[in-house]
Amino acid sequence: EANFPAFVEIYNQGSSGNVQRLFP
């Protein structure tokens, strides 16, 4: 949770260096 109006993105980083978005 955030205590201010925020934009959030969450990523998984694979061994190849590429990322995969988990959120939103």
mmCIF file of all heavy atoms, coordinates in Angstrom:
data_MODEL
# 
_entry.id   MODEL 
# 
loop_
_atom_site.group_PDB 
_atom_site.id 
_atom_site.type_symbol 
_atom_site.label_atom_id 
_atom_site.label_alt_id 
_atom_site.label_comp_id 
_atom_site.label_asym_id 
_atom_site.label_entity_id 
_atom_site.label_seq_id 
_atom_site.pdbx_PDB_ins_code 
_atom_site.Cartn_x 
_atom_site.Cartn_y 
_atom_site.Cartn_z 
_atom_site.occupancy 
_atom_site.B_iso_or_equiv 
_atom_site.pdbx_formal_charge 
_atom_site.auth_seq_id 
_atom_site.auth_comp_id 
_atom_site.auth_asym_id 
_atom_site.auth_atom_id 
_atom_site.pdbx_PDB_model_num 
ATOM 1   N N   . GLU A 1 1  ? 0.854  -1.178  0.000   1.00 0.00 ? 1  GLU A N   1 
ATOM 2   C CA  . GLU A 1 1  ? 0.000  0.000   0.000   1.00 0.00 ? 1  GLU A CA  1 
ATOM 3   C C   . GLU A 1 1  ? 0.892  1.232   0.000   1.00 0.00 ? 1  GLU A C   1 
ATOM 4   O O   . GLU A 1 1  ? 2.048  1.174   0.436   1.00 0.00 ? 1  GLU A O   1 
ATOM 5   C CB  . GLU A 1 1  ? -0.947 0.018   1.199   1.00 0.00 ? 1  GLU A CB  1 
ATOM 6   C CG  . GLU A 1 1  ? -0.297 -0.101  2.556   1.00 0.00 ? 1  GLU A CG  1 
ATOM 7   C CD  . GLU A 1 1  ? -1.322 -0.246  3.667   1.00 0.00 ? 1  GLU A CD  1 
ATOM 8   O OE1 . GLU A 1 1  ? -1.710 -1.392  3.954   1.00 0.00 ? 1  GLU A OE1 1 
ATOM 9   O OE2 . GLU A 1 1  ? -1.749 0.786   4.232   1.00 0.00 ? 1  GLU A OE2 1 
ATOM 10  N N   . ALA A 1 2  ? 0.360  2.336   -0.503  1.00 0.00 ? 2  ALA A N   1 
ATOM 11  C CA  . ALA A 1 2  ? 1.092  3.601   -0.557  1.00 0.00 ? 2  ALA A CA  1 
ATOM 12  C C   . ALA A 1 2  ? 0.340  4.623   0.284   1.00 0.00 ? 2  ALA A C   1 
ATOM 13  O O   . ALA A 1 2  ? -0.892 4.588   0.366   1.00 0.00 ? 2  ALA A O   1 
ATOM 14  C CB  . ALA A 1 2  ? 1.215  4.086   -2.005  1.00 0.00 ? 2  ALA A CB  1 
ATOM 15  N N   . ASN A 1 3  ? 1.064  5.557   0.888   1.00 0.00 ? 3  ASN A N   1 
ATOM 16  C CA  . ASN A 1 3  ? 0.402  6.574   1.700   1.00 0.00 ? 3  ASN A CA  1 
ATOM 17  C C   . ASN A 1 3  ? 0.239  7.886   0.959   1.00 0.00 ? 3  ASN A C   1 
ATOM 18  O O   . ASN A 1 3  ? -0.014 8.935   1.563   1.00 0.00 ? 3  ASN A O   1 
ATOM 19  C CB  . ASN A 1 3  ? 1.152  6.786   3.023   1.00 0.00 ? 3  ASN A CB  1 
ATOM 20  C CG  . ASN A 1 3  ? 2.520  7.424   2.824   1.00 0.00 ? 3  ASN A CG  1 
ATOM 21  O OD1 . ASN A 1 3  ? 2.967  7.648   1.696   1.00 0.00 ? 3  ASN A OD1 1 
ATOM 22  N ND2 . ASN A 1 3  ? 3.205  7.710   3.930   1.00 0.00 ? 3  ASN A ND2 1 
ATOM 23  N N   . PHE A 1 4  ? 0.370  7.845   -0.358  1.00 0.00 ? 4  PHE A N   1 
ATOM 24  C CA  . PHE A 1 4  ? 0.167  9.023   -1.207  1.00 0.00 ? 4  PHE A CA  1 
ATOM 25  C C   . PHE A 1 4  ? -0.359 8.537   -2.556  1.00 0.00 ? 4  PHE A C   1 
ATOM 26  O O   . PHE A 1 4  ? -0.233 7.352   -2.888  1.00 0.00 ? 4  PHE A O   1 
ATOM 27  C CB  . PHE A 1 4  ? 1.483  9.793   -1.388  1.00 0.00 ? 4  PHE A CB  1 
ATOM 28  C CG  . PHE A 1 4  ? 2.504  9.056   -2.200  1.00 0.00 ? 4  PHE A CG  1 
ATOM 29  C CD1 . PHE A 1 4  ? 2.680  9.336   -3.554  1.00 0.00 ? 4  PHE A CD1 1 
ATOM 30  C CD2 . PHE A 1 4  ? 3.298  8.068   -1.627  1.00 0.00 ? 4  PHE A CD2 1 
ATOM 31  C CE1 . PHE A 1 4  ? 3.614  8.645   -4.312  1.00 0.00 ? 4  PHE A CE1 1 
ATOM 32  C CE2 . PHE A 1 4  ? 4.240  7.382   -2.377  1.00 0.00 ? 4  PHE A CE2 1 
ATOM 33  C CZ  . PHE A 1 4  ? 4.395  7.670   -3.714  1.00 0.00 ? 4  PHE A CZ  1 
ATOM 34  N N   . PRO A 1 5  ? -0.981 9.407   -3.370  1.00 0.00 ? 5  PRO A N   1 
ATOM 35  C CA  . PRO A 1 5  ? -1.483 8.993   -4.687  1.00 0.00 ? 5  PRO A CA  1 
ATOM 36  C C   . PRO A 1 5  ? -0.310 8.559   -5.562  1.00 0.00 ? 5  PRO A C   1 
ATOM 37  O O   . PRO A 1 5  ? 0.513  9.381   -5.948  1.00 0.00 ? 5  PRO A O   1 
ATOM 38  C CB  . PRO A 1 5  ? -2.147 10.265  -5.231  1.00 0.00 ? 5  PRO A CB  1 
ATOM 39  C CG  . PRO A 1 5  ? -2.444 11.087  -4.021  1.00 0.00 ? 5  PRO A CG  1 
ATOM 40  C CD  . PRO A 1 5  ? -1.318 10.812  -3.067  1.00 0.00 ? 5  PRO A CD  1 
ATOM 41  N N   . ALA A 1 6  ? -0.219 7.286   -5.856  1.00 0.00 ? 6  ALA A N   1 
ATOM 42  C CA  . ALA A 1 6  ? 0.956  6.762   -6.547  1.00 0.00 ? 6  ALA A CA  1 
ATOM 43  C C   . ALA A 1 6  ? 0.589  5.906   -7.747  1.00 0.00 ? 6  ALA A C   1 
ATOM 44  O O   . ALA A 1 6  ? -0.528 5.393   -7.858  1.00 0.00 ? 6  ALA A O   1 
ATOM 45  C CB  . ALA A 1 6  ? 1.798  5.936   -5.581  1.00 0.00 ? 6  ALA A CB  1 
ATOM 46  N N   . PHE A 1 7  ? 1.559  5.783   -8.628  1.00 0.00 ? 7  PHE A N   1 
ATOM 47  C CA  . PHE A 1 7  ? 1.495  4.822   -9.725  1.00 0.00 ? 7  PHE A CA  1 
ATOM 48  C C   . PHE A 1 7  ? 2.509  3.742   -9.370  1.00 0.00 ? 7  PHE A C   1 
ATOM 49  O O   . PHE A 1 7  ? 3.642  4.042   -8.991  1.00 0.00 ? 7  PHE A O   1 
ATOM 50  C CB  . PHE A 1 7  ? 1.859  5.478   -11.059 1.00 0.00 ? 7  PHE A CB  1 
ATOM 51  C CG  . PHE A 1 7  ? 0.821  6.449   -11.556 1.00 0.00 ? 7  PHE A CG  1 
ATOM 52  C CD1 . PHE A 1 7  ? 0.856  7.777   -11.165 1.00 0.00 ? 7  PHE A CD1 1 
ATOM 53  C CD2 . PHE A 1 7  ? -0.190 6.023   -12.412 1.00 0.00 ? 7  PHE A CD2 1 
ATOM 54  C CE1 . PHE A 1 7  ? -0.100 8.676   -11.621 1.00 0.00 ? 7  PHE A CE1 1 
ATOM 55  C CE2 . PHE A 1 7  ? -1.159 6.915   -12.873 1.00 0.00 ? 7  PHE A CE2 1 
ATOM 56  C CZ  . PHE A 1 7  ? -1.108 8.240   -12.473 1.00 0.00 ? 7  PHE A CZ  1 
ATOM 57  N N   . VAL A 1 8  ? 2.102  2.485   -9.475  1.00 0.00 ? 8  VAL A N   1 
ATOM 58  C CA  . VAL A 1 8  ? 2.962  1.377   -9.081  1.00 0.00 ? 8  VAL A CA  1 
ATOM 59  C C   . VAL A 1 8  ? 3.032  0.320   -10.179 1.00 0.00 ? 8  VAL A C   1 
ATOM 60  O O   . VAL A 1 8  ? 2.013  -0.019  -10.786 1.00 0.00 ? 8  VAL A O   1 
ATOM 61  C CB  . VAL A 1 8  ? 2.444  0.708   -7.787  1.00 0.00 ? 8  VAL A CB  1 
ATOM 62  C CG1 . VAL A 1 8  ? 3.248  -0.554  -7.469  1.00 0.00 ? 8  VAL A CG1 1 
ATOM 63  C CG2 . VAL A 1 8  ? 2.510  1.679   -6.616  1.00 0.00 ? 8  VAL A CG2 1 
ATOM 64  N N   . GLU A 1 9  ? 4.227  -0.171  -10.433 1.00 0.00 ? 9  GLU A N   1 
ATOM 65  C CA  . GLU A 1 9  ? 4.413  -1.292  -11.354 1.00 0.00 ? 9  GLU A CA  1 
ATOM 66  C C   . GLU A 1 9  ? 5.388  -2.271  -10.709 1.00 0.00 ? 9  GLU A C   1 
ATOM 67  O O   . GLU A 1 9  ? 6.365  -1.858  -10.089 1.00 0.00 ? 9  GLU A O   1 
ATOM 68  C CB  . GLU A 1 9  ? 4.920  -0.835  -12.720 1.00 0.00 ? 9  GLU A CB  1 
ATOM 69  C CG  . GLU A 1 9  ? 3.899  0.021   -13.459 1.00 0.00 ? 9  GLU A CG  1 
ATOM 70  C CD  . GLU A 1 9  ? 4.247  0.280   -14.916 1.00 0.00 ? 9  GLU A CD  1 
ATOM 71  O OE1 . GLU A 1 9  ? 5.235  -0.299  -15.417 1.00 0.00 ? 9  GLU A OE1 1 
ATOM 72  O OE2 . GLU A 1 9  ? 3.527  1.056   -15.557 1.00 0.00 ? 9  GLU A OE2 1 
ATOM 73  N N   . ILE A 1 10 ? 5.100  -3.562  -10.856 1.00 0.00 ? 10 ILE A N   1 
ATOM 74  C CA  . ILE A 1 10 ? 5.926  -4.600  -10.255 1.00 0.00 ? 10 ILE A CA  1 
ATOM 75  C C   . ILE A 1 10 ? 6.376  -5.566  -11.340 1.00 0.00 ? 10 ILE A C   1 
ATOM 76  O O   . ILE A 1 10 ? 5.569  -5.983  -12.176 1.00 0.00 ? 10 ILE A O   1 
ATOM 77  C CB  . ILE A 1 10 ? 5.139  -5.363  -9.169  1.00 0.00 ? 10 ILE A CB  1 
ATOM 78  C CG1 . ILE A 1 10 ? 4.703  -4.386  -8.063  1.00 0.00 ? 10 ILE A CG1 1 
ATOM 79  C CG2 . ILE A 1 10 ? 5.988  -6.478  -8.570  1.00 0.00 ? 10 ILE A CG2 1 
ATOM 80  C CD1 . ILE A 1 10 ? 3.766  -5.009  -7.057  1.00 0.00 ? 10 ILE A CD1 1 
ATOM 81  N N   . TYR A 1 11 ? 7.643  -5.906  -11.329 1.00 0.00 ? 11 TYR A N   1 
ATOM 82  C CA  . TYR A 1 11 ? 8.213  -6.759  -12.364 1.00 0.00 ? 11 TYR A CA  1 
ATOM 83  C C   . TYR A 1 11 ? 9.007  -7.919  -11.779 1.00 0.00 ? 11 TYR A C   1 
ATOM 84  O O   . TYR A 1 11 ? 9.623  -7.815  -10.724 1.00 0.00 ? 11 TYR A O   1 
ATOM 85  C CB  . TYR A 1 11 ? 9.150  -5.956  -13.275 1.00 0.00 ? 11 TYR A CB  1 
ATOM 86  C CG  . TYR A 1 11 ? 8.440  -4.944  -14.127 1.00 0.00 ? 11 TYR A CG  1 
ATOM 87  C CD1 . TYR A 1 11 ? 8.160  -3.669  -13.629 1.00 0.00 ? 11 TYR A CD1 1 
ATOM 88  C CD2 . TYR A 1 11 ? 8.026  -5.239  -15.425 1.00 0.00 ? 11 TYR A CD2 1 
ATOM 89  C CE1 . TYR A 1 11 ? 7.499  -2.720  -14.398 1.00 0.00 ? 11 TYR A CE1 1 
ATOM 90  C CE2 . TYR A 1 11 ? 7.368  -4.309  -16.202 1.00 0.00 ? 11 TYR A CE2 1 
ATOM 91  C CZ  . TYR A 1 11 ? 7.105  -3.051  -15.687 1.00 0.00 ? 11 TYR A CZ  1 
ATOM 92  O OH  . TYR A 1 11 ? 6.437  -2.126  -16.443 1.00 0.00 ? 11 TYR A OH  1 
ATOM 93  N N   . ASN A 1 12 ? 9.000  -9.005  -12.514 1.00 0.00 ? 12 ASN A N   1 
ATOM 94  C CA  . ASN A 1 12 ? 9.861  -10.144 -12.222 1.00 0.00 ? 12 ASN A CA  1 
ATOM 95  C C   . ASN A 1 12 ? 11.018 -10.109 -13.223 1.00 0.00 ? 12 ASN A C   1 
ATOM 96  O O   . ASN A 1 12 ? 10.812 -9.888  -14.420 1.00 0.00 ? 12 ASN A O   1 
ATOM 97  C CB  . ASN A 1 12 ? 9.088  -11.460 -12.395 1.00 0.00 ? 12 ASN A CB  1 
ATOM 98  C CG  . ASN A 1 12 ? 9.988  -12.665 -12.303 1.00 0.00 ? 12 ASN A CG  1 
ATOM 99  O OD1 . ASN A 1 12 ? 10.482 -13.012 -11.247 1.00 0.00 ? 12 ASN A OD1 1 
ATOM 100 N ND2 . ASN A 1 12 ? 10.210 -13.316 -13.429 1.00 0.00 ? 12 ASN A ND2 1 
ATOM 101 N N   . GLN A 1 13 ? 12.232 -10.305 -12.727 1.00 0.00 ? 13 GLN A N   1 
ATOM 102 C CA  . GLN A 1 13 ? 13.400 -10.278 -13.604 1.00 0.00 ? 13 GLN A CA  1 
ATOM 103 C C   . GLN A 1 13 ? 13.932 -11.686 -13.801 1.00 0.00 ? 13 GLN A C   1 
ATOM 104 O O   . GLN A 1 13 ? 14.305 -12.346 -12.833 1.00 0.00 ? 13 GLN A O   1 
ATOM 105 C CB  . GLN A 1 13 ? 14.503 -9.400  -13.009 1.00 0.00 ? 13 GLN A CB  1 
ATOM 106 C CG  . GLN A 1 13 ? 15.690 -9.249  -13.952 1.00 0.00 ? 13 GLN A CG  1 
ATOM 107 C CD  . GLN A 1 13 ? 16.740 -8.330  -13.386 1.00 0.00 ? 13 GLN A CD  1 
ATOM 108 O OE1 . GLN A 1 13 ? 16.998 -8.340  -12.184 1.00 0.00 ? 13 GLN A OE1 1 
ATOM 109 N NE2 . GLN A 1 13 ? 17.356 -7.540  -14.232 1.00 0.00 ? 13 GLN A NE2 1 
ATOM 110 N N   . GLY A 1 14 ? 13.942 -12.143 -15.029 1.00 0.00 ? 14 GLY A N   1 
ATOM 111 C CA  . GLY A 1 14 ? 14.430 -13.478 -15.335 1.00 0.00 ? 14 GLY A CA  1 
ATOM 112 C C   . GLY A 1 14 ? 15.940 -13.523 -15.458 1.00 0.00 ? 14 GLY A C   1 
ATOM 113 O O   . GLY A 1 14 ? 16.612 -12.497 -15.474 1.00 0.00 ? 14 GLY A O   1 
ATOM 114 N N   . SER A 1 15 ? 16.478 -14.721 -15.550 1.00 0.00 ? 15 SER A N   1 
ATOM 115 C CA  . SER A 1 15 ? 17.923 -14.892 -15.644 1.00 0.00 ? 15 SER A CA  1 
ATOM 116 C C   . SER A 1 15 ? 18.478 -14.298 -16.931 1.00 0.00 ? 15 SER A C   1 
ATOM 117 O O   . SER A 1 15 ? 19.664 -13.972 -17.016 1.00 0.00 ? 15 SER A O   1 
ATOM 118 C CB  . SER A 1 15 ? 18.276 -16.380 -15.568 1.00 0.00 ? 15 SER A CB  1 
ATOM 119 O OG  . SER A 1 15 ? 17.609 -17.106 -16.605 1.00 0.00 ? 15 SER A OG  1 
ATOM 120 N N   . SER A 1 16 ? 17.625 -14.125 -17.940 1.00 0.00 ? 16 SER A N   1 
ATOM 121 C CA  . SER A 1 16 ? 18.060 -13.549 -19.213 1.00 0.00 ? 16 SER A CA  1 
ATOM 122 C C   . SER A 1 16 ? 18.228 -12.038 -19.120 1.00 0.00 ? 16 SER A C   1 
ATOM 123 O O   . SER A 1 16 ? 18.820 -11.413 -20.000 1.00 0.00 ? 16 SER A O   1 
ATOM 124 C CB  . SER A 1 16 ? 17.039 -13.864 -20.310 1.00 0.00 ? 16 SER A CB  1 
ATOM 125 O OG  . SER A 1 16 ? 15.815 -13.197 -20.057 1.00 0.00 ? 16 SER A OG  1 
ATOM 126 N N   . GLY A 1 17 ? 17.703 -11.453 -18.045 1.00 0.00 ? 17 GLY A N   1 
ATOM 127 C CA  . GLY A 1 17 ? 17.752 -10.007 -17.903 1.00 0.00 ? 17 GLY A CA  1 
ATOM 128 C C   . GLY A 1 17 ? 16.444 -9.364  -18.314 1.00 0.00 ? 17 GLY A C   1 
ATOM 129 O O   . GLY A 1 17 ? 16.201 -8.187  -18.034 1.00 0.00 ? 17 GLY A O   1 
ATOM 130 N N   . ASN A 1 18 ? 15.588 -10.122 -19.015 1.00 0.00 ? 18 ASN A N   1 
ATOM 131 C CA  . ASN A 1 18 ? 14.291 -9.594  -19.397 1.00 0.00 ? 18 ASN A CA  1 
ATOM 132 C C   . ASN A 1 18 ? 13.361 -9.569  -18.191 1.00 0.00 ? 18 ASN A C   1 
ATOM 133 O O   . ASN A 1 18 ? 13.487 -10.373 -17.272 1.00 0.00 ? 18 ASN A O   1 
ATOM 134 C CB  . ASN A 1 18 ? 13.661 -10.440 -20.502 1.00 0.00 ? 18 ASN A CB  1 
ATOM 135 C CG  . ASN A 1 18 ? 14.313 -10.213 -21.849 1.00 0.00 ? 18 ASN A CG  1 
ATOM 136 O OD1 . ASN A 1 18 ? 14.969 -9.189  -22.071 1.00 0.00 ? 18 ASN A OD1 1 
ATOM 137 N ND2 . ASN A 1 18 ? 14.165 -11.161 -22.748 1.00 0.00 ? 18 ASN A ND2 1 
ATOM 138 N N   . VAL A 1 19 ? 12.426 -8.623  -18.190 1.00 0.00 ? 19 VAL A N   1 
ATOM 139 C CA  . VAL A 1 19 ? 11.496 -8.492  -17.078 1.00 0.00 ? 19 VAL A CA  1 
ATOM 140 C C   . VAL A 1 19 ? 10.082 -8.848  -17.527 1.00 0.00 ? 19 VAL A C   1 
ATOM 141 O O   . VAL A 1 19 ? 9.739  -8.743  -18.703 1.00 0.00 ? 19 VAL A O   1 
ATOM 142 C CB  . VAL A 1 19 ? 11.510 -7.060  -16.501 1.00 0.00 ? 19 VAL A CB  1 
ATOM 143 C CG1 . VAL A 1 19 ? 12.892 -6.713  -15.988 1.00 0.00 ? 19 VAL A CG1 1 
ATOM 144 C CG2 . VAL A 1 19 ? 11.049 -6.042  -17.544 1.00 0.00 ? 19 VAL A CG2 1 
ATOM 145 N N   . GLN A 1 20 ? 9.287  -9.262  -16.571 1.00 0.00 ? 20 GLN A N   1 
ATOM 146 C CA  . GLN A 1 20 ? 7.893  -9.621  -16.819 1.00 0.00 ? 20 GLN A CA  1 
ATOM 147 C C   . GLN A 1 20 ? 7.034  -8.845  -15.831 1.00 0.00 ? 20 GLN A C   1 
ATOM 148 O O   . GLN A 1 20 ? 7.266  -8.890  -14.618 1.00 0.00 ? 20 GLN A O   1 
ATOM 149 C CB  . GLN A 1 20 ? 7.668  -11.118 -16.625 1.00 0.00 ? 20 GLN A CB  1 
ATOM 150 C CG  . GLN A 1 20 ? 6.207  -11.535 -16.744 1.00 0.00 ? 20 GLN A CG  1 
ATOM 151 C CD  . GLN A 1 20 ? 6.002  -12.981 -16.356 1.00 0.00 ? 20 GLN A CD  1 
ATOM 152 O OE1 . GLN A 1 20 ? 6.953  -13.676 -15.992 1.00 0.00 ? 20 GLN A OE1 1 
ATOM 153 N NE2 . GLN A 1 20 ? 4.766  -13.439 -16.429 1.00 0.00 ? 20 GLN A NE2 1 
ATOM 154 N N   . ARG A 1 21 ? 6.042  -8.129  -16.334 1.00 0.00 ? 21 ARG A N   1 
ATOM 155 C CA  . ARG A 1 21 ? 5.217  -7.314  -15.444 1.00 0.00 ? 21 ARG A CA  1 
ATOM 156 C C   . ARG A 1 21 ? 4.200  -8.172  -14.708 1.00 0.00 ? 21 ARG A C   1 
ATOM 157 O O   . ARG A 1 21 ? 3.466  -8.952  -15.306 1.00 0.00 ? 21 ARG A O   1 
ATOM 158 C CB  . ARG A 1 21 ? 4.485  -6.215  -16.224 1.00 0.00 ? 21 ARG A CB  1 
ATOM 159 C CG  . ARG A 1 21 ? 3.751  -5.238  -15.314 1.00 0.00 ? 21 ARG A CG  1 
ATOM 160 C CD  . ARG A 1 21 ? 3.304  -4.004  -16.047 1.00 0.00 ? 21 ARG A CD  1 
ATOM 161 N NE  . ARG A 1 21 ? 2.274  -4.318  -17.034 1.00 0.00 ? 21 ARG A NE  1 
ATOM 162 C CZ  . ARG A 1 21 ? 1.751  -3.411  -17.874 1.00 0.00 ? 21 ARG A CZ  1 
ATOM 163 N NH1 . ARG A 1 21 ? 2.210  -2.175  -17.849 1.00 0.00 ? 21 ARG A NH1 1 
ATOM 164 N NH2 . ARG A 1 21 ? 0.817  -3.760  -18.732 1.00 0.00 ? 21 ARG A NH2 1 
ATOM 165 N N   . LEU A 1 22 ? 4.140  -7.981  -13.387 1.00 0.00 ? 22 LEU A N   1 
ATOM 166 C CA  . LEU A 1 22 ? 3.189  -8.698  -12.553 1.00 0.00 ? 22 LEU A CA  1 
ATOM 167 C C   . LEU A 1 22 ? 2.055  -7.793  -12.075 1.00 0.00 ? 22 LEU A C   1 
ATOM 168 O O   . LEU A 1 22 ? 0.979  -8.262  -11.720 1.00 0.00 ? 22 LEU A O   1 
ATOM 169 C CB  . LEU A 1 22 ? 3.907  -9.278  -11.332 1.00 0.00 ? 22 LEU A CB  1 
ATOM 170 C CG  . LEU A 1 22 ? 5.078  -10.208 -11.613 1.00 0.00 ? 22 LEU A CG  1 
ATOM 171 C CD1 . LEU A 1 22 ? 5.685  -10.683 -10.306 1.00 0.00 ? 22 LEU A CD1 1 
ATOM 172 C CD2 . LEU A 1 22 ? 4.638  -11.391 -12.465 1.00 0.00 ? 22 LEU A CD2 1 
ATOM 173 N N   . PHE A 1 23 ? 2.318  -6.487  -12.020 1.00 0.00 ? 23 PHE A N   1 
ATOM 174 C CA  . PHE A 1 23 ? 1.320  -5.506  -11.618 1.00 0.00 ? 23 PHE A CA  1 
ATOM 175 C C   . PHE A 1 23 ? 1.589  -4.221  -12.380 1.00 0.00 ? 23 PHE A C   1 
ATOM 176 O O   . PHE A 1 23 ? 2.742  -3.822  -12.505 1.00 0.00 ? 23 PHE A O   1 
ATOM 177 C CB  . PHE A 1 23 ? 1.393  -5.248  -10.104 1.00 0.00 ? 23 PHE A CB  1 
ATOM 178 C CG  . PHE A 1 23 ? 0.325  -4.310  -9.598  1.00 0.00 ? 23 PHE A CG  1 
ATOM 179 C CD1 . PHE A 1 23 ? -0.904 -4.792  -9.194  1.00 0.00 ? 23 PHE A CD1 1 
ATOM 180 C CD2 . PHE A 1 23 ? 0.555  -2.945  -9.557  1.00 0.00 ? 23 PHE A CD2 1 
ATOM 181 C CE1 . PHE A 1 23 ? -1.897 -3.928  -8.745  1.00 0.00 ? 23 PHE A CE1 1 
ATOM 182 C CE2 . PHE A 1 23 ? -0.431 -2.070  -9.113  1.00 0.00 ? 23 PHE A CE2 1 
ATOM 183 C CZ  . PHE A 1 23 ? -1.658 -2.572  -8.707  1.00 0.00 ? 23 PHE A CZ  1 
ATOM 184 N N   . PRO A 1 24 ? 0.571  -3.505  -12.904 1.00 0.00 ? 24 PRO A N   1 
ATOM 185 C CA  . PRO A 1 24 ? -0.854 -3.797  -12.744 1.00 0.00 ? 24 PRO A CA  1 
ATOM 186 C C   . PRO A 1 24 ? -1.289 -5.026  -13.539 1.00 0.00 ? 24 PRO A C   1 
ATOM 187 O O   . PRO A 1 24 ? -0.633 -5.440  -14.485 1.00 0.00 ? 24 PRO A O   1 
ATOM 188 C CB  . PRO A 1 24 ? -1.532 -2.542  -13.267 1.00 0.00 ? 24 PRO A CB  1 
ATOM 189 C CG  . PRO A 1 24 ? -0.573 -1.997  -14.280 1.00 0.00 ? 24 PRO A CG  1 
ATOM 190 C CD  . PRO A 1 24 ? 0.792  -2.287  -13.711 1.00 0.00 ? 24 PRO A CD  1 
# 
